[in-house]
Amino acid sequence: MTNTTKNNRQETKYNKVVNIAEDGEITVLDGVFNYKDGFKGATGSKFYPVSKDEYNDAIEDENVIDYLVDSGIELSVYQKRNGFAGCVEQMDENEKSSLMFDTSYSELWDYLREECNLSEDEAYIFNCVGGGRCFDAKFKGNVNTELSAIIRKYETA
C-alpha cells in the first residue's frame, strides 16, 4: 500500500486481487483516490490468465494473419507487396504477443499467479481486458475481502 498526495488528489495504491470470477476473470484493486472537492473513487484492472498452450496457439502465424485480416488495418505500399503474411513473417514473438494480447501490468504477473494459485503453464501471461472505474458502491469481492469495504466507501456518493 502506497499513499501519495499530488495536485489536490490523495491516492492510495493497493494492486491487490479483490475478485476471481467463475469464468477466471481476475479483478485487481489498483487504488483509491480522493480529491479535496470530495470527488472520490476506486480504480481497478481486469485480467484473464492465458495458458502457455493458449499463448502459443494465439501467436502462430496463421492466427496472427487471421487477426490482422479481420482487424481492418490498412497496409502500407511496402506491405501490400507481401500482404499480411509478409508482415507477420517479419514479426518476432514479442511483436506478435503485443498484437494478440494486452500485457499491461506485467509487473503483477508473479503476484497474480501466487494469489490465484496458478502455475506458469496455467498462466503464462495475463491478458488485461479492462480497467479504470470498474467498481460500484455494492462491490463485494471474493478475495482480500477487507478491501471490498474500502472500495464501497470510496464508491459511495
Protein backbone atom coordinates (compact mmCIF):
# COMPACT_ATOMS: atom_id res chain seq x y z
CA MET A 1 0.00 0.00 0.00
CA THR A 2 1.39 3.38 -1.05
CA ASN A 3 -0.09 6.77 -0.13
CA THR A 4 0.58 9.87 -2.21
CA THR A 5 -0.79 13.40 -2.35
CA LYS A 6 -0.47 15.43 -5.54
CA ASN A 7 -2.42 18.37 -7.02
CA ASN A 8 -5.31 18.21 -4.54
CA ARG A 9 -5.55 14.43 -5.02
CA GLN A 10 -4.83 11.91 -2.30
CA GLU A 11 -4.26 8.39 -3.59
CA THR A 12 -3.63 5.02 -2.01
CA LYS A 13 -2.26 2.26 -4.26
CA TYR A 14 -3.08 -1.37 -3.44
CA ASN A 15 -2.54 -3.55 -6.55
CA LYS A 16 -4.30 -6.47 -4.84
CA VAL A 17 -6.66 -9.10 -6.21
CA VAL A 18 -10.20 -8.49 -4.99
CA ASN A 19 -12.20 -10.95 -7.09
CA ILE A 20 -11.82 -14.10 -9.16
CA ALA A 21 -14.93 -14.75 -11.23
CA GLU A 22 -16.21 -18.20 -12.18
CA ASP A 23 -15.04 -17.63 -15.77
CA GLY A 24 -11.50 -16.93 -14.49
CA GLU A 25 -11.55 -13.14 -14.79
CA ILE A 26 -9.33 -11.60 -12.10
CA THR A 27 -10.13 -8.13 -10.76
CA VAL A 28 -7.36 -6.13 -9.10
CA LEU A 29 -7.91 -3.04 -6.96
CA ASP A 30 -5.32 -0.65 -8.34
CA GLY A 31 -6.09 2.04 -5.79
CA VAL A 32 -8.48 4.59 -4.34
CA PHE A 33 -8.41 8.36 -4.72
CA ASN A 34 -9.97 11.39 -3.09
CA TYR A 35 -9.87 15.00 -4.27
CA LYS A 36 -10.19 17.93 -1.87
CA ASP A 37 -13.52 18.83 -3.53
CA GLY A 38 -14.95 15.48 -2.40
CA PHE A 39 -14.73 13.58 -5.70
CA LYS A 40 -13.53 10.07 -4.85
CA GLY A 41 -13.46 6.57 -6.22
CA ALA A 42 -11.66 3.29 -6.74
CA THR A 43 -9.85 2.10 -9.85
CA GLY A 44 -9.08 -1.42 -10.93
CA SER A 45 -7.86 -3.66 -13.70
CA LYS A 46 -9.26 -6.92 -15.07
CA PHE A 47 -7.24 -9.84 -16.39
CA TYR A 48 -7.66 -13.30 -17.83
CA PRO A 49 -4.90 -15.84 -17.40
CA VAL A 50 -3.55 -17.20 -20.67
CA SER A 51 -2.00 -20.67 -20.54
CA LYS A 52 1.24 -21.47 -22.32
CA ASP A 53 -0.69 -23.58 -24.84
CA GLU A 54 -3.26 -20.81 -25.49
CA TYR A 55 -0.44 -18.28 -25.85
CA ASN A 56 1.49 -20.43 -28.33
CA ASP A 57 -1.66 -21.09 -30.33
CA ALA A 58 -2.58 -17.39 -30.48
CA ILE A 59 0.80 -16.28 -31.79
CA GLU A 60 1.02 -18.93 -34.53
CA ASP A 61 1.49 -17.17 -37.85
CA GLU A 62 -1.86 -18.25 -39.31
CA ASN A 63 -3.76 -16.99 -36.24
CA VAL A 64 -1.92 -13.66 -36.29
CA ILE A 65 -2.65 -13.31 -40.02
CA ASP A 66 -6.35 -14.07 -39.41
CA TYR A 67 -6.40 -11.45 -36.66
CA LEU A 68 -4.83 -8.86 -38.96
CA VAL A 69 -7.18 -9.68 -41.84
CA ASP A 70 -10.18 -9.14 -39.54
CA SER A 71 -8.73 -6.00 -37.90
CA GLY A 72 -9.42 -3.52 -40.68
CA ILE A 73 -5.80 -2.35 -40.65
CA GLU A 74 -4.71 -0.66 -43.86
CA LEU A 75 -1.46 -1.88 -45.38
CA SER A 76 1.35 0.43 -46.44
CA VAL A 77 2.61 0.36 -50.03
CA TYR A 78 5.52 -1.86 -48.98
CA GLN A 79 3.27 -4.22 -47.02
CA LYS A 80 0.85 -4.58 -49.93
CA ARG A 81 3.56 -6.43 -51.84
CA ASN A 82 3.69 -9.19 -49.25
CA GLY A 83 0.30 -8.85 -47.65
CA PHE A 84 -0.27 -9.72 -44.04
CA ALA A 85 1.70 -12.96 -44.36
CA GLY A 86 4.81 -10.95 -45.19
CA CYS A 87 4.13 -8.62 -42.30
CA VAL A 88 3.80 -11.50 -39.84
CA GLU A 89 6.88 -13.19 -41.25
CA GLN A 90 8.91 -10.14 -40.20
CA MET A 91 7.47 -10.04 -36.66
CA ASP A 92 9.27 -11.54 -33.68
CA GLU A 93 7.48 -13.26 -30.80
CA ASN A 94 7.23 -10.07 -28.72
CA GLU A 95 5.60 -8.19 -31.59
CA LYS A 96 3.10 -10.98 -32.15
CA SER A 97 2.36 -11.18 -28.42
CA SER A 98 1.84 -7.40 -28.20
CA LEU A 99 -0.57 -7.58 -31.12
CA MET A 100 -2.60 -10.50 -29.79
CA PHE A 101 -2.63 -9.61 -26.06
CA ASP A 102 -2.66 -6.57 -23.79
CA THR A 103 0.23 -7.29 -21.47
CA SER A 104 -0.22 -4.16 -19.35
CA TYR A 105 0.77 -4.54 -15.70
CA SER A 106 3.15 -7.41 -16.41
CA GLU A 107 4.93 -6.47 -13.18
CA LEU A 108 1.94 -8.01 -11.34
CA TRP A 109 2.04 -11.40 -13.06
CA ASP A 110 4.07 -13.26 -10.43
CA TYR A 111 1.79 -11.88 -7.71
CA LEU A 112 -1.33 -12.84 -9.70
CA ARG A 113 -0.07 -16.40 -10.19
CA GLU A 114 0.66 -16.74 -6.49
CA GLU A 115 -2.58 -15.11 -5.32
CA CYS A 116 -4.69 -17.18 -7.74
CA ASN A 117 -2.73 -20.40 -7.18
CA LEU A 118 -1.83 -20.75 -10.86
CA SER A 119 1.29 -22.29 -12.33
CA GLU A 120 3.24 -20.58 -15.10
CA ASP A 121 1.87 -23.19 -17.54
CA GLU A 122 -1.69 -22.29 -16.48
CA ALA A 123 -0.99 -18.54 -16.56
CA TYR A 124 1.95 -17.96 -18.87
CA ILE A 125 0.79 -14.37 -19.28
CA PHE A 126 -2.23 -12.33 -18.18
CA ASN A 127 -4.32 -10.56 -20.80
CA CYS A 128 -5.51 -7.18 -19.48
CA VAL A 129 -9.11 -6.85 -20.64
CA GLY A 130 -10.24 -3.69 -18.88
CA GLY A 131 -9.67 -1.19 -16.18
CA GLY A 132 -10.47 2.15 -14.69
CA ARG A 133 -13.60 2.84 -12.66
CA CYS A 134 -14.80 -0.78 -12.62
CA PHE A 135 -16.37 -0.87 -9.14
CA ASP A 136 -19.63 0.34 -7.63
CA ALA A 137 -20.99 1.05 -4.14
CA LYS A 138 -22.24 -2.55 -3.83
CA PHE A 139 -18.99 -4.29 -4.81
CA LYS A 140 -18.33 -7.49 -2.88
CA GLY A 141 -15.23 -9.35 -3.97
CA ASN A 142 -14.27 -12.90 -3.01
CA VAL A 143 -10.52 -12.33 -2.42
CA ASN A 144 -8.92 -9.95 0.09
CA THR A 145 -12.48 -9.18 1.19
CA GLU A 146 -11.37 -6.45 3.60
CA LEU A 147 -10.64 -4.33 0.53
CA SER A 148 -14.29 -4.60 -0.61
CA ALA A 149 -15.31 -2.35 2.31
CA ILE A 150 -12.70 0.21 1.25
CA ILE A 151 -13.95 0.09 -2.35
CA ARG A 152 -17.57 0.57 -1.22
CA LYS A 153 -16.52 3.53 0.98
CA TYR A 154 -14.83 5.26 -1.97
CA GLU A 155 -17.59 4.42 -4.46
CA THR A 156 -20.43 5.65 -2.24
CA ALA A 157 -21.63 9.12 -3.24
